[in-house]
N, C-alpha and C. Protein backbone atom coordinates (compact mmCIF):
# COMPACT_ATOMS: atom_id res chain seq x y z
N UNK A 1 -13.33 -87.56 1.15
CA UNK A 1 -12.81 -86.82 0.82
C UNK A 1 -11.96 -86.60 -0.16
N UNK A 2 -11.99 -85.85 -1.13
CA UNK A 2 -10.86 -85.71 -2.23
C UNK A 2 -9.70 -85.23 -1.76
N UNK A 3 -8.49 -85.23 -2.16
CA UNK A 3 -7.47 -84.52 -1.94
C UNK A 3 -7.00 -83.26 -2.16
N UNK A 4 -6.53 -82.17 -1.62
CA UNK A 4 -6.73 -81.09 -1.79
C UNK A 4 -5.72 -80.66 -2.85
N UNK A 5 -6.16 -80.29 -3.76
CA UNK A 5 -5.18 -79.97 -4.87
C UNK A 5 -4.70 -78.33 -4.46
N UNK A 6 -3.35 -77.93 -4.77
CA UNK A 6 -3.17 -76.25 -4.56
C UNK A 6 -3.80 -75.46 -5.23
N UNK A 7 -4.55 -74.40 -4.85
CA UNK A 7 -5.37 -73.63 -5.13
C UNK A 7 -4.67 -72.31 -6.20
N UNK A 8 -5.11 -72.12 -7.41
CA UNK A 8 -4.80 -70.89 -7.99
C UNK A 8 -4.19 -69.47 -7.27
N UNK A 9 -5.00 -69.48 -6.29
CA UNK A 9 -4.52 -68.32 -5.48
C UNK A 9 -2.94 -68.25 -4.88
N UNK A 10 -2.89 -66.77 -5.10
CA UNK A 10 -1.13 -66.80 -4.47
C UNK A 10 -1.39 -66.49 -3.29
N UNK A 11 -0.20 -67.04 -2.63
CA UNK A 11 0.16 -67.13 -1.07
C UNK A 11 0.58 -65.62 -0.75
N UNK A 12 -0.24 -65.59 0.34
CA UNK A 12 0.53 -64.20 1.08
C UNK A 12 2.18 -64.40 1.31
N UNK A 13 2.52 -63.35 1.54
CA UNK A 13 3.95 -62.91 1.84
C UNK A 13 4.49 -64.00 3.00
N UNK A 14 3.55 -64.45 4.19
CA UNK A 14 3.98 -65.24 5.01
C UNK A 14 3.84 -66.60 4.91
N UNK A 15 3.25 -66.88 3.57
CA UNK A 15 3.47 -68.18 2.90
C UNK A 15 4.45 -68.54 2.07
N UNK A 16 5.11 -67.40 1.27
CA UNK A 16 5.93 -67.50 0.28
C UNK A 16 7.39 -67.70 0.65
N UNK A 17 8.37 -68.07 0.03
CA UNK A 17 9.63 -68.79 0.52
C UNK A 17 10.35 -67.67 0.87
N UNK A 18 11.53 -67.61 1.47
CA UNK A 18 12.45 -66.60 2.25
C UNK A 18 12.79 -65.66 1.03
N UNK A 19 12.58 -64.36 1.31
CA UNK A 19 12.94 -63.39 0.43
C UNK A 19 14.38 -63.25 -0.02
N UNK A 20 14.46 -63.08 -1.04
CA UNK A 20 15.76 -62.37 -2.12
C UNK A 20 15.38 -61.20 -2.70
N UNK A 21 15.76 -60.19 -1.87
CA UNK A 21 15.15 -58.80 -2.36
C UNK A 21 15.34 -58.46 -3.63
N UNK A 22 16.96 -58.55 -4.47
CA UNK A 22 17.33 -58.56 -5.53
C UNK A 22 15.98 -59.00 -6.41
N UNK A 23 15.76 -60.23 -6.63
CA UNK A 23 15.08 -61.44 -7.33
C UNK A 23 13.75 -60.92 -7.41
N UNK A 24 13.02 -60.58 -6.13
CA UNK A 24 11.79 -59.91 -5.90
C UNK A 24 11.59 -58.56 -6.24
N UNK A 25 12.67 -57.97 -6.33
CA UNK A 25 12.32 -56.72 -7.18
C UNK A 25 12.32 -56.86 -8.32
N UNK A 26 13.16 -57.59 -8.92
CA UNK A 26 12.96 -57.75 -10.32
C UNK A 26 11.61 -58.47 -10.96
N UNK A 27 11.67 -60.15 -10.36
CA UNK A 27 10.53 -60.64 -10.76
C UNK A 27 9.12 -60.92 -9.80
N UNK A 28 8.96 -60.00 -8.75
CA UNK A 28 7.99 -59.94 -8.31
C UNK A 28 8.02 -60.82 -7.08
N UNK A 29 6.90 -60.66 -6.19
CA UNK A 29 6.44 -61.64 -5.13
C UNK A 29 5.12 -62.04 -4.88
N UNK A 30 4.45 -62.92 -4.84
CA UNK A 30 3.34 -63.11 -4.76
C UNK A 30 2.31 -62.84 -6.10
N UNK A 31 1.50 -61.94 -5.82
CA UNK A 31 0.43 -61.53 -6.46
C UNK A 31 0.79 -60.28 -7.56
N UNK A 32 2.37 -59.73 -7.26
CA UNK A 32 2.98 -58.79 -8.01
C UNK A 32 3.36 -59.81 -9.05
N UNK A 33 3.37 -60.99 -9.41
CA UNK A 33 4.27 -61.70 -10.23
C UNK A 33 3.10 -61.15 -11.80
N UNK A 34 1.84 -60.86 -11.64
CA UNK A 34 0.99 -60.65 -12.54
C UNK A 34 1.43 -59.50 -13.20
N UNK A 35 1.93 -58.51 -11.98
CA UNK A 35 2.07 -57.24 -12.85
C UNK A 35 3.44 -57.30 -13.70
N UNK A 36 4.23 -57.81 -13.04
CA UNK A 36 5.82 -58.42 -13.74
C UNK A 36 5.26 -59.01 -15.17
N UNK A 37 4.80 -60.00 -15.20
CA UNK A 37 4.08 -60.61 -16.71
C UNK A 37 3.82 -59.40 -17.33
N UNK A 38 2.43 -58.59 -16.86
CA UNK A 38 2.01 -57.66 -17.59
C UNK A 38 3.03 -56.50 -18.19
N UNK A 39 4.07 -56.09 -17.54
CA UNK A 39 4.91 -55.39 -17.60
C UNK A 39 5.66 -55.47 -18.67
N UNK A 40 6.44 -56.69 -18.67
CA UNK A 40 7.26 -57.37 -19.45
C UNK A 40 6.66 -57.53 -20.88
N UNK A 41 5.41 -57.91 -20.83
CA UNK A 41 4.96 -57.80 -22.34
C UNK A 41 4.80 -56.55 -23.16
N UNK A 42 4.12 -55.58 -21.88
CA UNK A 42 4.04 -54.14 -22.68
C UNK A 42 5.35 -53.77 -22.42
N UNK A 43 6.35 -53.89 -22.07
CA UNK A 43 7.95 -53.23 -22.28
C UNK A 43 8.20 -53.83 -23.58
N UNK A 44 7.95 -55.20 -24.08
CA UNK A 44 8.51 -55.74 -25.12
C UNK A 44 7.50 -55.17 -26.41
N UNK A 45 6.63 -54.97 -26.27
CA UNK A 45 5.30 -54.52 -27.41
C UNK A 45 5.96 -53.42 -27.68
N UNK A 46 6.45 -52.37 -26.62
CA UNK A 46 6.53 -50.93 -26.93
C UNK A 46 8.26 -50.85 -27.64
N UNK A 47 9.11 -51.53 -27.34
CA UNK A 47 10.23 -51.57 -27.87
C UNK A 47 9.98 -52.39 -29.46
N UNK A 48 9.02 -53.24 -29.57
CA UNK A 48 8.77 -53.78 -30.94
C UNK A 48 8.16 -52.47 -31.55
N UNK A 49 7.38 -51.79 -31.66
CA UNK A 49 6.61 -50.77 -31.64
C UNK A 49 7.25 -49.62 -32.54
N UNK A 50 7.98 -48.91 -31.38
CA UNK A 50 8.97 -48.06 -31.93
C UNK A 50 10.22 -48.13 -32.21
N UNK A 51 10.92 -49.35 -32.16
CA UNK A 51 12.26 -49.38 -32.40
C UNK A 51 12.95 -48.64 -33.53
N UNK A 52 12.24 -49.05 -34.62
CA UNK A 52 13.04 -48.30 -35.94
C UNK A 52 12.62 -47.07 -36.12
N UNK A 53 11.59 -46.48 -35.51
CA UNK A 53 11.07 -45.33 -35.73
C UNK A 53 11.59 -44.09 -34.83
N UNK A 54 12.46 -44.46 -34.01
CA UNK A 54 12.76 -43.53 -33.08
C UNK A 54 14.25 -43.34 -32.69
N UNK A 55 14.87 -42.42 -31.89
CA UNK A 55 16.39 -42.72 -31.42
C UNK A 55 16.31 -43.12 -30.34
N UNK A 56 17.42 -43.98 -29.73
CA UNK A 56 17.68 -44.65 -28.60
C UNK A 56 17.16 -44.22 -27.66
N UNK A 57 17.45 -42.56 -27.45
CA UNK A 57 16.91 -42.09 -26.00
C UNK A 57 15.47 -42.02 -26.25
N UNK A 58 14.49 -41.59 -27.50
CA UNK A 58 13.44 -41.76 -27.30
C UNK A 58 13.10 -42.78 -27.09
N UNK A 59 13.29 -43.91 -27.75
CA UNK A 59 12.83 -45.58 -27.35
C UNK A 59 12.84 -45.46 -25.72
N UNK A 60 14.14 -45.18 -25.14
CA UNK A 60 13.92 -45.76 -23.78
C UNK A 60 12.88 -44.75 -23.42
N UNK A 61 12.76 -43.38 -23.41
CA UNK A 61 11.69 -42.65 -22.96
C UNK A 61 10.47 -43.06 -23.23
N UNK A 62 10.21 -44.13 -24.32
CA UNK A 62 8.86 -44.67 -24.80
C UNK A 62 8.45 -45.68 -23.92
N UNK A 63 9.92 -46.59 -23.67
CA UNK A 63 9.46 -47.30 -22.86
C UNK A 63 9.03 -47.42 -21.06
N UNK A 64 9.73 -46.23 -20.87
CA UNK A 64 9.59 -45.90 -19.24
C UNK A 64 8.36 -45.27 -19.24
N UNK A 65 8.02 -44.39 -20.25
CA UNK A 65 6.66 -43.76 -20.03
C UNK A 65 5.76 -44.39 -20.06
N UNK A 66 5.62 -45.46 -21.07
CA UNK A 66 4.51 -46.46 -21.20
C UNK A 66 4.38 -47.03 -19.87
N UNK A 67 5.28 -47.76 -19.41
CA UNK A 67 5.35 -48.64 -18.56
C UNK A 67 4.57 -47.44 -16.85
N UNK A 68 5.12 -46.42 -16.97
CA UNK A 68 4.60 -45.53 -15.91
C UNK A 68 3.41 -45.19 -16.20
N UNK A 69 3.03 -44.71 -17.34
CA UNK A 69 1.41 -44.90 -17.43
C UNK A 69 0.61 -45.79 -17.14
N UNK A 70 1.28 -46.88 -17.90
CA UNK A 70 0.12 -47.90 -17.53
C UNK A 70 -0.26 -48.55 -16.06
N UNK A 71 1.12 -48.30 -14.95
CA UNK A 71 0.86 -48.36 -13.55
C UNK A 71 0.03 -47.73 -13.36
N UNK A 72 -0.11 -46.15 -13.54
CA UNK A 72 -0.76 -45.30 -13.08
C UNK A 72 -2.02 -45.57 -13.35
N UNK A 73 -2.66 -45.97 -14.57
CA UNK A 73 -3.56 -46.62 -15.11
C UNK A 73 -4.30 -47.82 -14.35
N UNK A 74 -3.48 -48.81 -14.07
CA UNK A 74 -3.72 -50.17 -13.24
C UNK A 74 -3.98 -49.40 -11.63
N UNK A 75 -3.15 -48.49 -11.16
CA UNK A 75 -3.50 -47.99 -9.82
C UNK A 75 -4.74 -47.22 -9.90
N UNK A 76 -5.18 -46.84 -10.72
CA UNK A 76 -6.36 -45.98 -10.67
C UNK A 76 -7.77 -46.90 -11.16
N UNK A 77 -7.55 -47.95 -11.65
CA UNK A 77 -8.60 -48.95 -11.87
C UNK A 77 -8.71 -49.91 -11.04
N UNK A 78 -7.86 -50.19 -10.48
CA UNK A 78 -7.97 -51.34 -9.43
C UNK A 78 -8.54 -50.80 -7.94
N UNK A 79 -8.04 -49.32 -7.87
CA UNK A 79 -8.58 -48.62 -6.77
C UNK A 79 -9.82 -48.41 -7.00
N UNK A 80 -10.39 -47.87 -7.94
CA UNK A 80 -11.69 -47.77 -8.34
C UNK A 80 -12.28 -48.97 -7.91
N UNK A 81 -12.06 -50.38 -8.38
CA UNK A 81 -12.64 -51.43 -8.43
C UNK A 81 -13.07 -51.91 -7.12
N UNK A 82 -11.61 -51.72 -6.39
CA UNK A 82 -11.80 -51.95 -4.99
C UNK A 82 -12.96 -51.24 -4.19
N UNK A 83 -12.63 -49.72 -4.57
CA UNK A 83 -13.81 -49.09 -3.79
C UNK A 83 -15.00 -49.12 -3.89
N UNK A 84 -15.45 -49.91 -4.96
CA UNK A 84 -16.97 -50.32 -5.68
C UNK A 84 -17.17 -51.42 -4.91
N UNK A 85 -16.47 -52.29 -4.57
CA UNK A 85 -16.75 -53.55 -4.34
C UNK A 85 -17.03 -53.43 -2.80
N UNK A 86 -16.16 -52.56 -2.04
CA UNK A 86 -16.24 -52.68 -0.90
C UNK A 86 -17.11 -51.22 -0.28
N UNK A 87 -18.10 -50.74 -1.26
CA UNK A 87 -19.04 -49.85 -1.29
C UNK A 87 -18.38 -48.58 -0.45
N UNK A 88 -17.02 -48.45 -0.54
CA UNK A 88 -16.67 -46.89 0.27
C UNK A 88 -15.77 -45.98 -0.77
N UNK A 89 -15.58 -44.84 -0.34
CA UNK A 89 -15.05 -44.00 -1.22
C UNK A 89 -13.83 -44.15 -1.66
N UNK A 90 -12.85 -43.88 -2.68
CA UNK A 90 -11.42 -44.28 -3.22
C UNK A 90 -10.71 -43.35 -2.65
N UNK A 91 -9.67 -43.80 -1.59
CA UNK A 91 -9.09 -43.15 -0.69
C UNK A 91 -7.45 -43.18 -0.84
N UNK A 92 -6.72 -42.12 -0.86
CA UNK A 92 -5.51 -42.39 -1.14
C UNK A 92 -4.67 -43.55 -0.31
N UNK A 93 -5.23 -43.47 1.00
CA UNK A 93 -4.37 -44.79 1.70
C UNK A 93 -4.54 -46.15 1.17
N UNK A 94 -6.07 -46.30 0.63
CA UNK A 94 -6.56 -47.38 0.05
C UNK A 94 -5.54 -48.09 -1.13
N UNK A 95 -5.08 -47.15 -1.79
CA UNK A 95 -4.68 -47.15 -3.37
C UNK A 95 -2.58 -47.83 -2.68
N UNK A 96 -2.47 -47.38 -1.47
CA UNK A 96 -0.82 -47.94 -1.25
C UNK A 96 -0.63 -49.39 -1.78
N UNK A 97 -1.34 -50.23 -1.45
CA UNK A 97 -1.15 -52.00 -0.96
C UNK A 97 -1.24 -52.27 -2.73
N UNK A 98 -2.12 -51.38 -3.37
CA UNK A 98 -2.05 -51.66 -5.09
C UNK A 98 -1.44 -51.20 -5.54
N UNK A 99 -0.63 -50.05 -5.09
CA UNK A 99 0.58 -49.42 -6.07
C UNK A 99 1.95 -50.44 -5.87
N UNK A 100 1.94 -51.12 -5.09
CA UNK A 100 2.88 -52.03 -4.35
C UNK A 100 3.03 -53.14 -5.59
N UNK A 101 1.52 -53.63 -5.27
CA UNK A 101 1.23 -54.94 -5.99
C UNK A 101 1.59 -54.91 -7.65
N UNK A 102 1.10 -53.79 -7.77
CA UNK A 102 1.38 -53.54 -9.17
C UNK A 102 2.53 -52.53 -9.86
N UNK A 103 3.32 -52.11 -8.86
CA UNK A 103 4.77 -51.58 -9.34
C UNK A 103 5.72 -52.40 -10.02
N UNK A 104 5.41 -53.65 -10.75
CA UNK A 104 6.01 -54.85 -11.29
C UNK A 104 5.97 -54.35 -12.54
N UNK A 105 4.81 -53.55 -13.09
CA UNK A 105 4.52 -53.20 -14.31
C UNK A 105 5.80 -51.99 -14.73
N UNK A 106 6.19 -51.26 -13.76
CA UNK A 106 7.21 -50.26 -13.91
C UNK A 106 8.63 -51.15 -13.87
N UNK A 107 8.81 -51.79 -12.94
CA UNK A 107 9.97 -52.50 -12.59
C UNK A 107 10.44 -53.50 -13.66
N UNK A 108 9.49 -54.08 -14.36
CA UNK A 108 9.73 -54.86 -15.64
C UNK A 108 10.05 -54.22 -17.01
N UNK A 109 9.94 -52.87 -16.86
CA UNK A 109 10.48 -51.88 -17.76
C UNK A 109 11.65 -51.36 -17.57
N UNK A 110 12.60 -51.55 -16.75
CA UNK A 110 14.00 -51.24 -15.90
C UNK A 110 14.94 -51.63 -16.75
N UNK A 111 14.98 -53.00 -16.95
CA UNK A 111 16.14 -53.70 -17.54
C UNK A 111 16.01 -53.38 -18.96
N UNK A 112 15.21 -53.98 -19.59
CA UNK A 112 14.63 -53.17 -21.12
C UNK A 112 15.45 -51.62 -21.66
N UNK A 113 14.71 -51.06 -20.96
CA UNK A 113 15.28 -49.77 -20.85
C UNK A 113 16.56 -49.27 -20.67
N UNK A 114 17.15 -50.18 -19.61
CA UNK A 114 18.60 -50.06 -19.60
C UNK A 114 19.18 -50.20 -20.79
N UNK A 115 19.03 -51.70 -21.24
CA UNK A 115 19.27 -52.00 -22.63
C UNK A 115 19.63 -50.89 -23.68
N UNK A 116 18.32 -50.27 -23.73
CA UNK A 116 17.88 -49.05 -24.86
C UNK A 116 19.08 -47.75 -24.34
N UNK A 117 19.11 -47.52 -23.24
CA UNK A 117 19.96 -46.32 -22.76
C UNK A 117 21.45 -46.82 -23.16
N UNK A 118 21.79 -48.16 -23.04
CA UNK A 118 23.26 -48.33 -23.40
C UNK A 118 23.17 -48.17 -24.64
N UNK A 119 22.39 -48.22 -25.53
CA UNK A 119 22.53 -47.91 -27.09
C UNK A 119 22.82 -46.13 -27.26
N UNK A 120 22.10 -45.57 -26.51
CA UNK A 120 21.92 -44.29 -26.61
C UNK A 120 23.32 -43.73 -26.26
N UNK A 121 24.07 -44.42 -25.37
CA UNK A 121 25.44 -44.25 -24.69
C UNK A 121 26.32 -44.66 -25.74
N UNK A 122 25.91 -44.92 -26.72
CA UNK A 122 27.28 -45.62 -27.45
C UNK A 122 27.67 -47.15 -27.53
N UNK A 123 27.44 -47.43 -26.47
CA UNK A 123 27.84 -48.80 -25.84
C UNK A 123 27.64 -49.97 -26.76
N UNK A 124 26.38 -49.67 -27.38
CA UNK A 124 25.80 -50.93 -28.27
C UNK A 124 24.95 -50.06 -29.15
N UNK A 125 24.94 -51.01 -30.48
CA UNK A 125 24.25 -50.65 -31.67
C UNK A 125 22.62 -50.59 -31.07
N UNK A 126 21.79 -49.88 -31.39
CA UNK A 126 20.45 -49.64 -31.41
C UNK A 126 19.85 -51.37 -31.60
N UNK A 127 20.14 -51.63 -32.70
CA UNK A 127 19.74 -52.85 -33.10
C UNK A 127 19.87 -54.20 -32.07
N UNK A 128 21.02 -54.22 -31.43
CA UNK A 128 21.60 -54.84 -30.84
C UNK A 128 20.79 -54.71 -29.44
N UNK A 129 20.76 -53.72 -29.13
CA UNK A 129 20.05 -53.16 -27.94
C UNK A 129 18.54 -53.48 -27.55
N UNK A 130 17.78 -53.57 -29.10
CA UNK A 130 16.08 -53.36 -29.14
C UNK A 130 16.47 -55.21 -28.88
N UNK A 131 16.85 -55.92 -29.26
CA UNK A 131 17.63 -57.42 -29.18
C UNK A 131 17.70 -57.83 -27.91
N UNK A 132 18.45 -57.11 -26.89
CA UNK A 132 18.97 -57.60 -26.12
C UNK A 132 17.48 -57.60 -24.74
N UNK A 133 16.88 -56.13 -25.10
CA UNK A 133 15.55 -55.88 -24.44
C UNK A 133 14.59 -56.96 -24.83
N UNK A 134 14.59 -57.36 -25.99
CA UNK A 134 13.52 -58.40 -26.05
C UNK A 134 14.31 -59.86 -24.94
N UNK A 135 15.41 -59.96 -25.57
CA UNK A 135 15.81 -61.09 -25.12
C UNK A 135 15.70 -61.28 -23.33
N UNK A 136 15.64 -60.28 -22.65
CA UNK A 136 15.80 -59.78 -21.28
C UNK A 136 14.00 -60.13 -20.87
N UNK A 137 13.29 -59.75 -21.80
CA UNK A 137 11.71 -59.86 -21.68
C UNK A 137 11.50 -61.29 -21.72
N UNK A 138 12.05 -62.08 -22.72
CA UNK A 138 11.49 -63.68 -22.69
C UNK A 138 12.25 -64.26 -21.83
N UNK A 139 13.33 -64.15 -21.20
CA UNK A 139 14.06 -64.67 -20.04
C UNK A 139 13.01 -64.43 -18.49
N UNK A 140 12.30 -63.32 -19.00
CA UNK A 140 11.86 -62.53 -17.50
C UNK A 140 10.48 -63.59 -17.48
N UNK A 141 9.69 -63.74 -18.69
CA UNK A 141 8.73 -64.58 -18.72
C UNK A 141 8.90 -66.22 -18.39
N UNK A 142 10.04 -66.66 -19.15
CA UNK A 142 10.38 -67.73 -18.75
C UNK A 142 10.58 -68.12 -17.14
N UNK A 143 11.12 -67.14 -16.25
CA UNK A 143 11.23 -67.09 -15.08
C UNK A 143 9.87 -67.23 -14.26
N UNK A 144 9.00 -66.28 -14.68
CA UNK A 144 7.42 -65.94 -14.05
C UNK A 144 6.83 -67.57 -14.28
N UNK A 145 7.01 -68.15 -15.38
CA UNK A 145 6.36 -69.45 -16.07
C UNK A 145 6.99 -70.43 -15.03
N UNK A 146 8.10 -70.18 -14.82
CA UNK A 146 8.76 -71.54 -13.76
C UNK A 146 8.12 -71.35 -12.17
N UNK A 147 8.31 -70.06 -12.03
CA UNK A 147 7.68 -69.50 -10.84
C UNK A 147 5.71 -69.66 -10.20
N UNK A 148 5.65 -69.66 -11.51
CA UNK A 148 3.98 -70.36 -11.68
C UNK A 148 3.83 -71.69 -11.26
N UNK A 149 4.85 -72.47 -11.96
CA UNK A 149 4.62 -73.93 -11.97
C UNK A 149 4.87 -74.34 -10.85
N UNK A 150 6.17 -73.71 -10.01
CA UNK A 150 6.35 -74.30 -8.59
C UNK A 150 5.37 -74.05 -7.92
N UNK A 151 4.74 -73.03 -7.70
CA UNK A 151 3.24 -72.32 -7.13
C UNK A 151 2.29 -73.73 -7.05
N UNK A 152 1.85 -74.17 -8.17
CA UNK A 152 1.02 -75.21 -8.59
C UNK A 152 1.26 -76.22 -8.27
N UNK A 153 2.91 -76.75 -7.85
CA UNK A 153 3.34 -78.18 -7.59
C UNK A 153 3.40 -78.81 -9.34
N UNK A 154 3.64 -78.32 -10.23
CA UNK A 154 3.51 -78.96 -11.32
C UNK A 154 5.10 -80.30 -11.17
N UNK A 155 5.02 -80.93 -12.09
CA UNK A 155 6.23 -81.77 -12.39
C UNK A 155 6.65 -81.08 -13.72
N UNK A 156 7.65 -82.01 -14.50
CA UNK A 156 8.55 -81.33 -15.24
C UNK A 156 7.63 -80.96 -16.54
N UNK A 157 6.86 -82.07 -16.89
CA UNK A 157 6.20 -81.61 -18.16
C UNK A 157 5.38 -80.24 -17.96
N UNK A 158 4.57 -80.20 -16.78
CA UNK A 158 3.64 -78.85 -16.67
C UNK A 158 4.35 -77.97 -16.33
N UNK A 159 5.48 -78.00 -15.54
CA UNK A 159 6.54 -76.76 -15.36
C UNK A 159 7.11 -75.99 -16.91
N UNK A 160 7.17 -76.98 -17.85
CA UNK A 160 7.84 -76.97 -19.48
C UNK A 160 6.43 -76.27 -19.91
N UNK A 161 5.05 -76.77 -19.49
CA UNK A 161 4.04 -75.95 -20.53
C UNK A 161 4.28 -74.69 -20.11
N UNK A 162 4.33 -74.38 -18.79
CA UNK A 162 4.21 -73.18 -18.05
C UNK A 162 5.07 -72.29 -18.54
N UNK A 163 6.44 -72.82 -18.59
CA UNK A 163 7.45 -71.55 -19.45
C UNK A 163 6.85 -71.50 -20.88
N UNK A 164 6.83 -72.57 -21.63
CA UNK A 164 6.42 -72.84 -22.52
C UNK A 164 5.07 -71.47 -23.31
N UNK A 165 4.29 -71.43 -22.26
CA UNK A 165 3.06 -70.58 -22.51
C UNK A 165 3.47 -69.49 -22.66
N UNK A 166 4.40 -68.89 -21.33
CA UNK A 166 4.52 -67.35 -21.39
C UNK A 166 5.72 -66.91 -22.06
N UNK A 167 6.89 -67.78 -22.74
CA UNK A 167 7.93 -67.53 -23.56
C UNK A 167 7.02 -67.56 -25.16
N UNK A 168 6.04 -68.29 -25.26
CA UNK A 168 5.28 -67.99 -26.45
C UNK A 168 4.61 -66.83 -26.64
N UNK A 169 4.10 -66.06 -25.71
CA UNK A 169 3.26 -64.73 -25.46
C UNK A 169 4.35 -63.95 -25.80
N UNK A 170 5.45 -64.24 -25.31
CA UNK A 170 7.19 -63.24 -25.75
C UNK A 170 7.36 -63.46 -27.08
N UNK A 171 7.10 -64.64 -27.83
CA UNK A 171 8.01 -65.20 -29.11
C UNK A 171 6.81 -64.09 -30.14
N UNK A 172 5.50 -64.04 -29.60
CA UNK A 172 4.53 -63.65 -30.28
C UNK A 172 5.05 -61.77 -30.43
N UNK A 173 5.35 -61.39 -29.73
CA UNK A 173 6.01 -60.08 -29.70
C UNK A 173 7.08 -59.92 -30.44
N UNK A 174 7.82 -60.76 -30.23
CA UNK A 174 9.22 -61.12 -30.89
C UNK A 174 8.87 -61.10 -32.75
N UNK A 175 8.00 -61.88 -33.03
CA UNK A 175 7.35 -62.21 -34.30
C UNK A 175 6.93 -61.01 -34.91
N UNK A 176 6.20 -60.31 -33.94
CA UNK A 176 5.45 -59.13 -34.54
C UNK A 176 6.68 -57.85 -35.04
N UNK A 177 7.69 -57.74 -34.19
CA UNK A 177 8.91 -57.18 -34.44
C UNK A 177 9.47 -57.45 -35.70
N UNK A 178 9.66 -58.61 -35.93
CA UNK A 178 10.37 -58.95 -37.16
C UNK A 178 9.27 -58.72 -38.49
N UNK A 179 7.85 -58.95 -38.37
CA UNK A 179 7.31 -58.79 -39.41
C UNK A 179 6.79 -57.20 -39.53
N UNK A 180 7.31 -56.43 -38.43
CA UNK A 180 6.84 -55.05 -38.62
C UNK A 180 8.28 -54.14 -39.35
N UNK A 181 9.42 -55.07 -39.25
CA UNK A 181 10.44 -54.32 -39.55
C UNK A 181 11.05 -54.49 -40.69
N UNK A 182 10.15 -55.84 -41.50
CA UNK A 182 10.60 -56.32 -42.93
C UNK A 182 9.65 -55.72 -43.71
């Protein structure tokens, strides 16, 4: 027999470490990590795409609105796919677990949107708020890379690679921001 390697499957809630509600809310739990990463990248991309063209209020609405629309799209698409795979009509009660799992898309936009709202309120300059929103996204991606590495039982180099890969995707978005604004 070969030794059992940890699988890529995400453990269910019963196998997860003790819950820390605030951290779980911000960074997702179990399979919700995927929606947090997706939401973070899309929030960063939205900030990048519209930062120079809109007011802070409009930018905040775009980031939050994009997250909400993408969450609804994911909810419907995953519900439809599940309905087809189990050969059962799509029902509202079947959408609730999917809605919870995918809600990380919306939650990932909360802190970047808050940074932009601070600019709209005059607490920060818009350019500072945009960079803060992007930094929040990069930090979130780093945390998710570390969580993935821990789940897989990676050592130091594997953890560094997982964090680096996640942050590299975020830095690509930041590089696009710089390229679009110059």
